[in-house]
Amino acid sequence: MSTKEAAPRPSTWHRTSRWIRNHLVVAYGLAALFYLFLPIAVVFAFSFNKPAGRQNSTWNQFSLDAWRNICFDPSMCTAVGLSLRIALIATTIATLLGTLIAFALVRHRFRGRALTNLLIFLPMATPEVVLGSSLLALFLNAGLPLGPVTITIAHIMFCISFVVVTVKARLQGMDPRLEEAAGDLYANERQTFRYVTLPLVAPGIAAAALLSFSLSFDDYIITNFNSGSTLTFPMYIWGAALRGIPPQVNVVGSIMFFGSLAIVLVAQLAGRARRKA
């Protein structure tokens, strides 16, 4: 009778190298997440700092004063409110127009479609300095006074491109057989769009809206060219950096981050509950 020899046990170096290969992607992912969220953690931590001087760059003492008195400087809260209003208006208009453009580019064939796709990408590829100076020249030639209106128009212009790209990717990933099945079940075009197409595209539209809001709220370069004497929150931070950024700025940043995170989590939980139902 032939006896089957036992396989030799892998060496320690072989087992270690295999474990590293199996977990290397996870380690890279965790390192990337740590790198991305480290600045946010620093901003959140220093919102509880009581600086010894004007600069809030060295930890001195734990304090809740910044959270209790966010509007210690009325001009900061005014700038935050203006940035929020501009971001909401720009997001609403850009999301509506960008979604319609994305549907036209994906669902229809028309002359100039390739050129339209190219033009949509141009604002994303153009440096913000060039974009801001070009818009400034346009507004000056048109005789528009620089202020909240010109800022809103500029934000709508560059946010549309991001909305189109995001919604377009969602539309291209949809299964057209779902809409065909709705038509086979005697649903008209309006019913198909309301009960099939729109729910499937809604996550992409929501993601595009959140992206547009973030881009509009924290834009500085294009806003600086077209703001005139108007002061938005990013411009307030730039001016405050010369004399020392107060911890209340970190409070506003923390509120915006956790507010956006809460919206995303609520949307994910709602989608999971809808799928289970």
C-alpha atoms as a PDB file:
ATOM      1  CA  MET A   1       0.000   0.000   0.000  1.00  0.00           C
ATOM      2  CA  SER A   2       1.238   3.445  -0.898  1.00  0.00           C
ATOM      3  CA  THR A   3       1.072   5.993   1.826  1.00  0.00           C
ATOM      4  CA  LYS A   4       0.226   9.589   0.990  1.00  0.00           C
ATOM      5  CA  GLU A   5       2.887  11.942   2.236  1.00  0.00           C
ATOM      6  CA  ALA A   6       1.750  15.003   4.197  1.00  0.00           C
ATOM      7  CA  ALA A   7       2.195  18.317   2.409  1.00  0.00           C
ATOM      8  CA  PRO A   8       4.999  20.401   3.859  1.00  0.00           C
ATOM      9  CA  ARG A   9       3.851  23.249   6.071  1.00  0.00           C
ATOM     10  CA  PRO A  10       4.398  26.697   4.497  1.00  0.00           C
ATOM     11  CA  SER A  11       7.196  28.692   5.996  1.00  0.00           C
ATOM     12  CA  THR A  12       6.579  31.692   8.222  1.00  0.00           C
ATOM     13  CA  TRP A  13       7.766  34.072   5.517  1.00  0.00           C
ATOM     14  CA  HIS A  14       5.387  32.501   2.987  1.00  0.00           C
ATOM     15  CA  ARG A  15       2.401  32.761   5.363  1.00  0.00           C
ATOM     16  CA  THR A  16       3.275  36.351   6.205  1.00  0.00           C
ATOM     17  CA  SER A  17       3.630  37.402   2.567  1.00  0.00           C
ATOM     18  CA  ARG A  18       0.329  35.702   1.667  1.00  0.00           C
ATOM     19  CA  TRP A  19      -1.461  37.495   4.530  1.00  0.00           C
ATOM     20  CA  ILE A  20      -0.030  40.821   3.358  1.00  0.00           C
ATOM     21  CA  ARG A  21      -1.159  40.186  -0.234  1.00  0.00           C
ATOM     22  CA  ASN A  22      -4.668  39.287   0.914  1.00  0.00           C
ATOM     23  CA  HIS A  23      -5.037  42.377   3.110  1.00  0.00           C
ATOM     24  CA  LEU A  24      -3.018  44.918   1.119  1.00  0.00           C
ATOM     25  CA  VAL A  25      -6.036  46.495  -0.602  1.00  0.00           C
ATOM     26  CA  VAL A  26      -7.855  46.856   2.717  1.00  0.00           C
ATOM     27  CA  ALA A  27      -4.790  48.475   4.265  1.00  0.00           C
ATOM     28  CA  TYR A  28      -4.494  50.914   1.366  1.00  0.00           C
ATOM     29  CA  GLY A  29      -8.185  51.783   1.711  1.00  0.00           C
ATOM     30  CA  LEU A  30      -7.917  52.397   5.455  1.00  0.00           C
ATOM     31  CA  ALA A  31      -4.795  54.518   4.961  1.00  0.00           C
ATOM     32  CA  ALA A  32      -6.578  56.604   2.305  1.00  0.00           C
ATOM     33  CA  LEU A  33      -9.612  57.116   4.559  1.00  0.00           C
ATOM     34  CA  PHE A  34      -7.355  58.119   7.443  1.00  0.00           C
ATOM     35  CA  TYR A  35      -5.571  60.613   5.200  1.00  0.00           C
ATOM     36  CA  LEU A  36      -8.887  62.082   4.009  1.00  0.00           C
ATOM     37  CA  PHE A  37     -10.557  62.383   7.399  1.00  0.00           C
ATOM     38  CA  LEU A  38      -7.543  63.537   9.416  1.00  0.00           C
ATOM     39  CA  PRO A  39      -7.999  67.250   8.516  1.00  0.00           C
ATOM     40  CA  ILE A  40     -11.702  67.010   9.388  1.00  0.00           C
ATOM     41  CA  ALA A  41     -10.833  65.482  12.755  1.00  0.00           C
ATOM     42  CA  VAL A  42      -8.369  68.317  13.416  1.00  0.00           C
ATOM     43  CA  VAL A  43     -10.991  70.940  12.519  1.00  0.00           C
ATOM     44  CA  PHE A  44     -13.539  69.292  14.821  1.00  0.00           C
ATOM     45  CA  ALA A  45     -11.039  68.986  17.687  1.00  0.00           C
ATOM     46  CA  PHE A  46      -9.905  72.610  17.443  1.00  0.00           C
ATOM     47  CA  SER A  47     -13.509  73.801  17.539  1.00  0.00           C
ATOM     48  CA  PHE A  48     -13.305  72.958  21.278  1.00  0.00           C
ATOM     49  CA  ASN A  49     -10.038  74.821  21.754  1.00  0.00           C
ATOM     50  CA  LYS A  50      -9.678  78.079  23.655  1.00  0.00           C
ATOM     51  CA  PRO A  51      -6.739  79.743  21.912  1.00  0.00           C
ATOM     52  CA  ALA A  52      -4.269  81.706  23.964  1.00  0.00           C
ATOM     53  CA  GLY A  53      -3.873  84.331  21.238  1.00  0.00           C
ATOM     54  CA  ARG A  54      -5.312  85.140  17.855  1.00  0.00           C
ATOM     55  CA  GLN A  55      -4.111  81.968  16.136  1.00  0.00           C
ATOM     56  CA  ASN A  56      -6.094  78.799  16.729  1.00  0.00           C
ATOM     57  CA  SER A  57      -3.286  76.494  15.607  1.00  0.00           C
ATOM     58  CA  THR A  58      -1.947  75.263  18.981  1.00  0.00           C
ATOM     59  CA  TRP A  59      -3.984  73.377  21.539  1.00  0.00           C
ATOM     60  CA  ASN A  60      -4.368  75.413  24.708  1.00  0.00           C
ATOM     61  CA  GLN A  61      -7.472  74.488  26.687  1.00  0.00           C
ATOM     62  CA  PHE A  62     -10.736  72.590  26.192  1.00  0.00           C
ATOM     63  CA  SER A  63     -13.684  74.961  26.010  1.00  0.00           C
ATOM     64  CA  LEU A  64     -17.265  75.079  24.728  1.00  0.00           C
ATOM     65  CA  ASP A  65     -17.241  78.856  24.274  1.00  0.00           C
ATOM     66  CA  ALA A  66     -17.047  78.635  20.482  1.00  0.00           C
ATOM     67  CA  TRP A  67     -20.097  76.347  20.339  1.00  0.00           C
ATOM     68  CA  ARG A  68     -22.066  78.493  22.785  1.00  0.00           C
ATOM     69  CA  ASN A  69     -21.304  81.732  20.957  1.00  0.00           C
ATOM     70  CA  ILE A  70     -21.048  80.889  17.276  1.00  0.00           C
ATOM     71  CA  CYS A  71     -22.037  84.358  16.075  1.00  0.00           C
ATOM     72  CA  PHE A  72     -19.477  86.224  18.156  1.00  0.00           C
ATOM     73  CA  ASP A  73     -18.742  88.151  14.956  1.00  0.00           C
ATOM     74  CA  PRO A  74     -21.992  89.164  13.202  1.00  0.00           C
ATOM     75  CA  SER A  75     -20.169  89.502   9.881  1.00  0.00           C
ATOM     76  CA  MET A  76     -19.227  85.805  10.000  1.00  0.00           C
ATOM     77  CA  CYS A  77     -22.828  84.664  10.454  1.00  0.00           C
ATOM     78  CA  THR A  78     -23.917  87.067   7.723  1.00  0.00           C
ATOM     79  CA  ALA A  79     -21.311  85.558   5.399  1.00  0.00           C
ATOM     80  CA  VAL A  80     -22.433  82.030   6.290  1.00  0.00           C
ATOM     81  CA  GLY A  81     -26.069  82.900   5.624  1.00  0.00           C
ATOM     82  CA  LEU A  82     -25.202  84.452   2.259  1.00  0.00           C
ATOM     83  CA  SER A  83     -23.128  81.423   1.239  1.00  0.00           C
ATOM     84  CA  LEU A  84     -25.998  79.120   2.203  1.00  0.00           C
ATOM     85  CA  ARG A  85     -28.536  81.116   0.177  1.00  0.00           C
ATOM     86  CA  ILE A  86     -26.295  81.259  -2.882  1.00  0.00           C
ATOM     87  CA  ALA A  87     -25.508  77.547  -2.598  1.00  0.00           C
ATOM     88  CA  LEU A  88     -29.184  76.589  -2.283  1.00  0.00           C
ATOM     89  CA  ILE A  89     -30.244  78.703  -5.275  1.00  0.00           C
ATOM     90  CA  ALA A  90     -27.315  77.553  -7.411  1.00  0.00           C
ATOM     91  CA  THR A  91     -27.881  73.910  -6.446  1.00  0.00           C
ATOM     92  CA  THR A  92     -31.596  74.016  -7.236  1.00  0.00           C
ATOM     93  CA  ILE A  93     -31.187  75.613 -10.666  1.00  0.00           C
ATOM     94  CA  ALA A  94     -28.075  73.635 -11.610  1.00  0.00           C
ATOM     95  CA  THR A  95     -29.655  70.328 -10.577  1.00  0.00           C
ATOM     96  CA  LEU A  96     -32.795  71.020 -12.596  1.00  0.00           C
ATOM     97  CA  LEU A  97     -30.982  72.128 -15.737  1.00  0.00           C
ATOM     98  CA  GLY A  98     -28.215  69.529 -15.420  1.00  0.00           C
ATOM     99  CA  THR A  99     -30.710  66.681 -15.024  1.00  0.00           C
ATOM    100  CA  LEU A 100     -32.606  67.758 -18.145  1.00  0.00           C
ATOM    101  CA  ILE A 101     -29.338  68.018 -20.104  1.00  0.00           C
ATOM    102  CA  ALA A 102     -28.252  64.552 -18.907  1.00  0.00           C
ATOM    103  CA  PHE A 103     -31.570  63.018 -20.036  1.00  0.00           C
ATOM    104  CA  ALA A 104     -31.220  64.700 -23.429  1.00  0.00           C
ATOM    105  CA  LEU A 105     -27.654  63.457 -23.912  1.00  0.00           C
ATOM    106  CA  VAL A 106     -28.398  59.859 -22.882  1.00  0.00           C
ATOM    107  CA  ARG A 107     -31.890  59.299 -24.281  1.00  0.00           C
ATOM    108  CA  HIS A 108     -31.820  61.282 -27.524  1.00  0.00           C
ATOM    109  CA  ARG A 109     -29.692  61.504 -30.643  1.00  0.00           C
ATOM    110  CA  PHE A 110     -29.418  64.983 -32.143  1.00  0.00           C
ATOM    111  CA  ARG A 111     -27.020  67.034 -34.220  1.00  0.00           C
ATOM    112  CA  GLY A 112     -24.272  68.530 -32.082  1.00  0.00           C
ATOM    113  CA  ARG A 113     -24.545  65.901 -29.347  1.00  0.00           C
ATOM    114  CA  ALA A 114     -20.797  65.175 -29.339  1.00  0.00           C
ATOM    115  CA  LEU A 115     -19.992  68.892 -29.248  1.00  0.00           C
ATOM    116  CA  THR A 116     -22.391  69.329 -26.322  1.00  0.00           C
ATOM    117  CA  ASN A 117     -20.646  66.559 -24.412  1.00  0.00           C
ATOM    118  CA  LEU A 118     -17.329  68.335 -25.000  1.00  0.00           C
ATOM    119  CA  LEU A 119     -18.671  71.699 -23.902  1.00  0.00           C
ATOM    120  CA  ILE A 120     -20.100  70.167 -20.711  1.00  0.00           C
ATOM    121  CA  PHE A 121     -16.622  69.011 -19.678  1.00  0.00           C
ATOM    122  CA  LEU A 122     -14.897  72.328 -20.423  1.00  0.00           C
ATOM    123  CA  PRO A 123     -15.870  74.114 -17.163  1.00  0.00           C
ATOM    124  CA  MET A 124     -14.574  71.123 -15.198  1.00  0.00           C
ATOM    125  CA  ALA A 125     -11.258  71.080 -17.060  1.00  0.00           C
ATOM    126  CA  THR A 126     -10.719  74.847 -17.149  1.00  0.00           C
ATOM    127  CA  PRO A 127      -8.623  76.304 -14.295  1.00  0.00           C
ATOM    128  CA  GLU A 128     -10.734  78.316 -11.880  1.00  0.00           C
ATOM    129  CA  VAL A 129      -8.548  81.396 -12.354  1.00  0.00           C
ATOM    130  CA  VAL A 130      -9.295  81.392 -16.088  1.00  0.00           C
ATOM    131  CA  LEU A 131     -12.974  80.654 -15.476  1.00  0.00           C
ATOM    132  CA  GLY A 132     -13.344  83.378 -12.865  1.00  0.00           C
ATOM    133  CA  SER A 133     -11.575  86.041 -14.936  1.00  0.00           C
ATOM    134  CA  SER A 134     -13.611  85.119 -18.031  1.00  0.00           C
ATOM    135  CA  LEU A 135     -16.866  85.447 -16.112  1.00  0.00           C
ATOM    136  CA  LEU A 136     -15.699  88.765 -14.698  1.00  0.00           C
ATOM    137  CA  ALA A 137     -15.073  90.084 -18.211  1.00  0.00           C
ATOM    138  CA  LEU A 138     -18.501  88.815 -19.286  1.00  0.00           C
ATOM    139  CA  PHE A 139     -20.306  90.526 -16.421  1.00  0.00           C
ATOM    140  CA  LEU A 140     -18.427  93.798 -16.892  1.00  0.00           C
ATOM    141  CA  ASN A 141     -19.186  93.852 -20.627  1.00  0.00           C
ATOM    142  CA  ALA A 142     -22.845  93.085 -19.899  1.00  0.00           C
ATOM    143  CA  GLY A 143     -22.994  95.916 -17.364  1.00  0.00           C
ATOM    144  CA  LEU A 144     -24.033  93.684 -14.448  1.00  0.00           C
ATOM    145  CA  PRO A 145     -23.022  94.990 -11.013  1.00  0.00           C
ATOM    146  CA  LEU A 146     -20.864  92.520  -9.124  1.00  0.00           C
ATOM    147  CA  GLY A 147     -22.577  91.010  -6.113  1.00  0.00           C
ATOM    148  CA  PRO A 148     -24.746  88.057  -5.032  1.00  0.00           C
ATOM    149  CA  VAL A 149     -26.424  87.842  -8.454  1.00  0.00           C
ATOM    150  CA  THR A 150     -23.172  87.462 -10.382  1.00  0.00           C
ATOM    151  CA  ILE A 151     -21.859  84.988  -7.797  1.00  0.00           C
ATOM    152  CA  THR A 152     -25.003  82.869  -8.164  1.00  0.00           C
ATOM    153  CA  ILE A 153     -24.806  82.913 -11.975  1.00  0.00           C
ATOM    154  CA  ALA A 154     -21.142  81.871 -11.852  1.00  0.00           C
ATOM    155  CA  HIS A 155     -21.864  79.027  -9.418  1.00  0.00           C
ATOM    156  CA  ILE A 156     -24.757  77.758 -11.520  1.00  0.00           C
ATOM    157  CA  MET A 157     -22.517  77.708 -14.572  1.00  0.00           C
ATOM    158  CA  PHE A 158     -19.800  75.447 -13.145  1.00  0.00           C
ATOM    159  CA  CYS A 159     -22.177  73.314 -11.047  1.00  0.00           C
ATOM    160  CA  ILE A 160     -24.200  72.282 -14.111  1.00  0.00           C
ATOM    161  CA  SER A 161     -21.254  70.314 -15.488  1.00  0.00           C
ATOM    162  CA  PHE A 162     -20.915  68.237 -12.322  1.00  0.00           C
ATOM    163  CA  VAL A 163     -24.661  67.571 -12.249  1.00  0.00           C
ATOM    164  CA  VAL A 164     -24.687  66.424 -15.872  1.00  0.00           C
ATOM    165  CA  VAL A 165     -21.757  64.054 -15.367  1.00  0.00           C
ATOM    166  CA  THR A 166     -23.235  62.538 -12.189  1.00  0.00           C
ATOM    167  CA  VAL A 167     -26.786  62.074 -13.479  1.00  0.00           C
ATOM    168  CA  LYS A 168     -25.529  60.888 -16.856  1.00  0.00           C
ATOM    169  CA  ALA A 169     -23.530  58.115 -15.202  1.00  0.00           C
ATOM    170  CA  ARG A 170     -26.636  57.026 -13.311  1.00  0.00           C
ATOM    171  CA  LEU A 171     -28.754  56.990 -16.466  1.00  0.00           C
ATOM    172  CA  GLN A 172     -26.197  54.985 -18.426  1.00  0.00           C
ATOM    173  CA  GLY A 173     -26.129  52.367 -15.657  1.00  0.00           C
ATOM    174  CA  MET A 174     -29.911  51.834 -15.713  1.00  0.00           C
ATOM    175  CA  ASP A 175     -31.438  48.721 -17.184  1.00  0.00           C
ATOM    176  CA  PRO A 176     -33.743  49.851 -20.038  1.00  0.00           C
ATOM    177  CA  ARG A 177     -35.752  46.635 -19.707  1.00  0.00           C
ATOM    178  CA  LEU A 178     -37.352  48.021 -16.538  1.00  0.00           C
ATOM    179  CA  GLU A 179     -38.968  50.857 -18.472  1.00  0.00           C
ATOM    180  CA  GLU A 180     -39.912  48.476 -21.260  1.00  0.00           C
ATOM    181  CA  ALA A 181     -41.587  46.227 -18.693  1.00  0.00           C
ATOM    182  CA  ALA A 182     -43.596  49.207 -17.411  1.00  0.00           C
ATOM    183  CA  GLY A 183     -44.759  49.877 -20.955  1.00  0.00           C
ATOM    184  CA  ASP A 184     -45.766  46.222 -21.343  1.00  0.00           C
ATOM    185  CA  LEU A 185     -47.893  46.645 -18.220  1.00  0.00           C
ATOM    186  CA  TYR A 186     -49.840  49.449 -19.968  1.00  0.00           C
ATOM    187  CA  ALA A 187     -48.118  52.351 -18.202  1.00  0.00           C
ATOM    188  CA  ASN A 188     -47.920  55.529 -20.263  1.00  0.00           C
ATOM    189  CA  GLU A 189     -44.777  57.652 -20.549  1.00  0.00           C
ATOM    190  CA  ARG A 190     -45.686  59.894 -17.627  1.00  0.00           C
ATOM    191  CA  GLN A 191     -46.439  56.952 -15.321  1.00  0.00           C
ATOM    192  CA  THR A 192     -43.259  55.178 -16.389  1.00  0.00           C
ATOM    193  CA  PHE A 193     -41.185  58.252 -15.625  1.00  0.00           C
ATOM    194  CA  ARG A 194     -42.874  58.848 -12.264  1.00  0.00           C
ATOM    195  CA  TYR A 195     -42.907  55.313 -10.896  1.00  0.00           C
ATOM    196  CA  VAL A 196     -39.889  53.688 -12.605  1.00  0.00           C
ATOM    197  CA  THR A 197     -37.386  56.134 -14.090  1.00  0.00           C
ATOM    198  CA  LEU A 198     -37.443  58.847 -11.450  1.00  0.00           C
ATOM    199  CA  PRO A 199     -37.008  56.520  -8.424  1.00  0.00           C
ATOM    200  CA  LEU A 200     -34.064  54.850 -10.160  1.00  0.00           C
ATOM    201  CA  VAL A 201     -32.400  58.143 -11.082  1.00  0.00           C
ATOM    202  CA  ALA A 202     -33.183  59.844  -7.747  1.00  0.00           C
ATOM    203  CA  PRO A 203     -29.963  58.668  -5.976  1.00  0.00           C
ATOM    204  CA  GLY A 204     -27.870  60.140  -8.794  1.00  0.00           C
ATOM    205  CA  ILE A 205     -29.807  63.414  -8.700  1.00  0.00           C
ATOM    206  CA  ALA A 206     -29.422  63.616  -4.920  1.00  0.00           C
ATOM    207  CA  ALA A 207     -25.685  62.944  -5.172  1.00  0.00           C
ATOM    208  CA  ALA A 208     -25.357  65.628  -7.847  1.00  0.00           C
ATOM    209  CA  ALA A 209     -27.266  68.113  -5.671  1.00  0.00           C
ATOM    210  CA  LEU A 210     -25.036  67.439  -2.650  1.00  0.00           C
ATOM    211  CA  LEU A 211     -21.926  67.791  -4.793  1.00  0.00           C
ATOM    212  CA  SER A 212     -23.174  71.062  -6.271  1.00  0.00           C
ATOM    213  CA  PHE A 213     -24.009  72.446  -2.842  1.00  0.00           C
ATOM    214  CA  SER A 214     -20.548  71.599  -1.535  1.00  0.00           C
ATOM    215  CA  LEU A 215     -18.801  73.097  -4.556  1.00  0.00           C
ATOM    216  CA  SER A 216     -20.848  76.279  -4.346  1.00  0.00           C
ATOM    217  CA  PHE A 217     -20.567  76.750  -0.592  1.00  0.00           C
ATOM    218  CA  ASP A 218     -16.780  76.453  -0.400  1.00  0.00           C
ATOM    219  CA  ASP A 219     -15.797  78.116  -3.696  1.00  0.00           C
ATOM    220  CA  TYR A 220     -13.345  80.974  -3.277  1.00  0.00           C
ATOM    221  CA  ILE A 221     -11.440  81.665  -6.521  1.00  0.00           C
ATOM    222  CA  ILE A 222     -14.393  82.196  -8.882  1.00  0.00           C
ATOM    223  CA  THR A 223     -16.329  83.980  -6.141  1.00  0.00           C
ATOM    224  CA  ASN A 224     -13.442  86.336  -5.449  1.00  0.00           C
ATOM    225  CA  PHE A 225     -13.394  87.458  -9.079  1.00  0.00           C
ATOM    226  CA  ASN A 226     -17.144  88.107  -9.275  1.00  0.00           C
ATOM    227  CA  SER A 227     -18.161  89.173  -5.778  1.00  0.00           C
ATOM    228  CA  GLY A 228     -17.364  92.873  -5.771  1.00  0.00           C
ATOM    229  CA  SER A 229     -17.776  93.979  -2.154  1.00  0.00           C
ATOM    230  CA  THR A 230     -19.893  90.941  -1.219  1.00  0.00           C
ATOM    231  CA  LEU A 231     -18.443  88.764   1.550  1.00  0.00           C
ATOM    232  CA  THR A 232     -19.083  85.012   1.487  1.00  0.00           C
ATOM    233  CA  PHE A 233     -17.924  82.522   4.094  1.00  0.00           C
ATOM    234  CA  PRO A 234     -14.779  81.327   2.213  1.00  0.00           C
ATOM    235  CA  MET A 235     -13.793  84.948   1.634  1.00  0.00           C
ATOM    236  CA  TYR A 236     -14.355  85.685   5.323  1.00  0.00           C
ATOM    237  CA  ILE A 237     -11.989  82.830   6.229  1.00  0.00           C
ATOM    238  CA  TRP A 238      -9.365  84.184   3.839  1.00  0.00           C
ATOM    239  CA  GLY A 239      -9.573  87.613   5.425  1.00  0.00           C
ATOM    240  CA  ALA A 240      -9.608  86.200   8.955  1.00  0.00           C
ATOM    241  CA  ALA A 241      -6.458  84.174   8.255  1.00  0.00           C
ATOM    242  CA  LEU A 242      -4.463  87.401   8.158  1.00  0.00           C
ATOM    243  CA  ARG A 243      -5.370  88.264  11.757  1.00  0.00           C
ATOM    244  CA  GLY A 244      -6.116  84.782  13.143  1.00  0.00           C
ATOM    245  CA  ILE A 245      -8.937  82.354  12.372  1.00  0.00           C
ATOM    246  CA  PRO A 246     -11.343  82.130  15.339  1.00  0.00           C
ATOM    247  CA  PRO A 247     -12.492  78.695  16.598  1.00  0.00           C
ATOM    248  CA  GLN A 248     -16.053  79.554  15.525  1.00  0.00           C
ATOM    249  CA  VAL A 249     -14.954  78.943  11.939  1.00  0.00           C
ATOM    250  CA  ASN A 250     -14.127  75.361  12.921  1.00  0.00           C
ATOM    251  CA  VAL A 251     -17.558  75.095  14.530  1.00  0.00           C
ATOM    252  CA  VAL A 252     -19.270  76.103  11.285  1.00  0.00           C
ATOM    253  CA  GLY A 253     -17.117  73.656   9.332  1.00  0.00           C
ATOM    254  CA  SER A 254     -17.947  70.839  11.752  1.00  0.00           C
ATOM    255  CA  ILE A 255     -21.677  71.594  11.545  1.00  0.00           C
ATOM    256  CA  MET A 256     -21.581  71.565   7.748  1.00  0.00           C
ATOM    257  CA  PHE A 257     -19.661  68.279   7.643  1.00  0.00           C
ATOM    258  CA  PHE A 258     -21.841  66.424  10.130  1.00  0.00           C
ATOM    259  CA  GLY A 259     -24.977  67.873   8.556  1.00  0.00           C
ATOM    260  CA  SER A 260     -23.949  66.520   5.151  1.00  0.00           C
ATOM    261  CA  LEU A 261     -23.013  63.194   6.740  1.00  0.00           C
ATOM    262  CA  ALA A 262     -26.423  62.991   8.424  1.00  0.00           C
ATOM    263  CA  ILE A 263     -28.196  63.614   5.111  1.00  0.00           C
ATOM    264  CA  VAL A 264     -26.226  60.834   3.429  1.00  0.00           C
ATOM    265  CA  LEU A 265     -26.878  58.390   6.288  1.00  0.00           C
ATOM    266  CA  VAL A 266     -30.607  59.166   6.314  1.00  0.00           C
ATOM    267  CA  ALA A 267     -30.768  58.620   2.560  1.00  0.00           C
ATOM    268  CA  GLN A 268     -28.930  55.299   2.863  1.00  0.00           C
ATOM    269  CA  LEU A 269     -31.185  54.101   5.680  1.00  0.00           C
ATOM    270  CA  ALA A 270     -34.300  55.179   3.801  1.00  0.00           C
ATOM    271  CA  GLY A 271     -33.129  53.354   0.680  1.00  0.00           C
ATOM    272  CA  ARG A 272     -32.365  50.206   2.672  1.00  0.00           C
ATOM    273  CA  ALA A 273     -35.793  50.306   4.332  1.00  0.00           C
ATOM    274  CA  ARG A 274     -37.463  50.806   0.953  1.00  0.00           C
ATOM    275  CA  ARG A 275     -35.614  47.828  -0.519  1.00  0.00           C
ATOM    276  CA  LYS A 276     -36.630  45.629   2.392  1.00  0.00           C
ATOM    277  CA  ALA A 277     -40.255  46.734   2.055  1.00  0.00           C
END
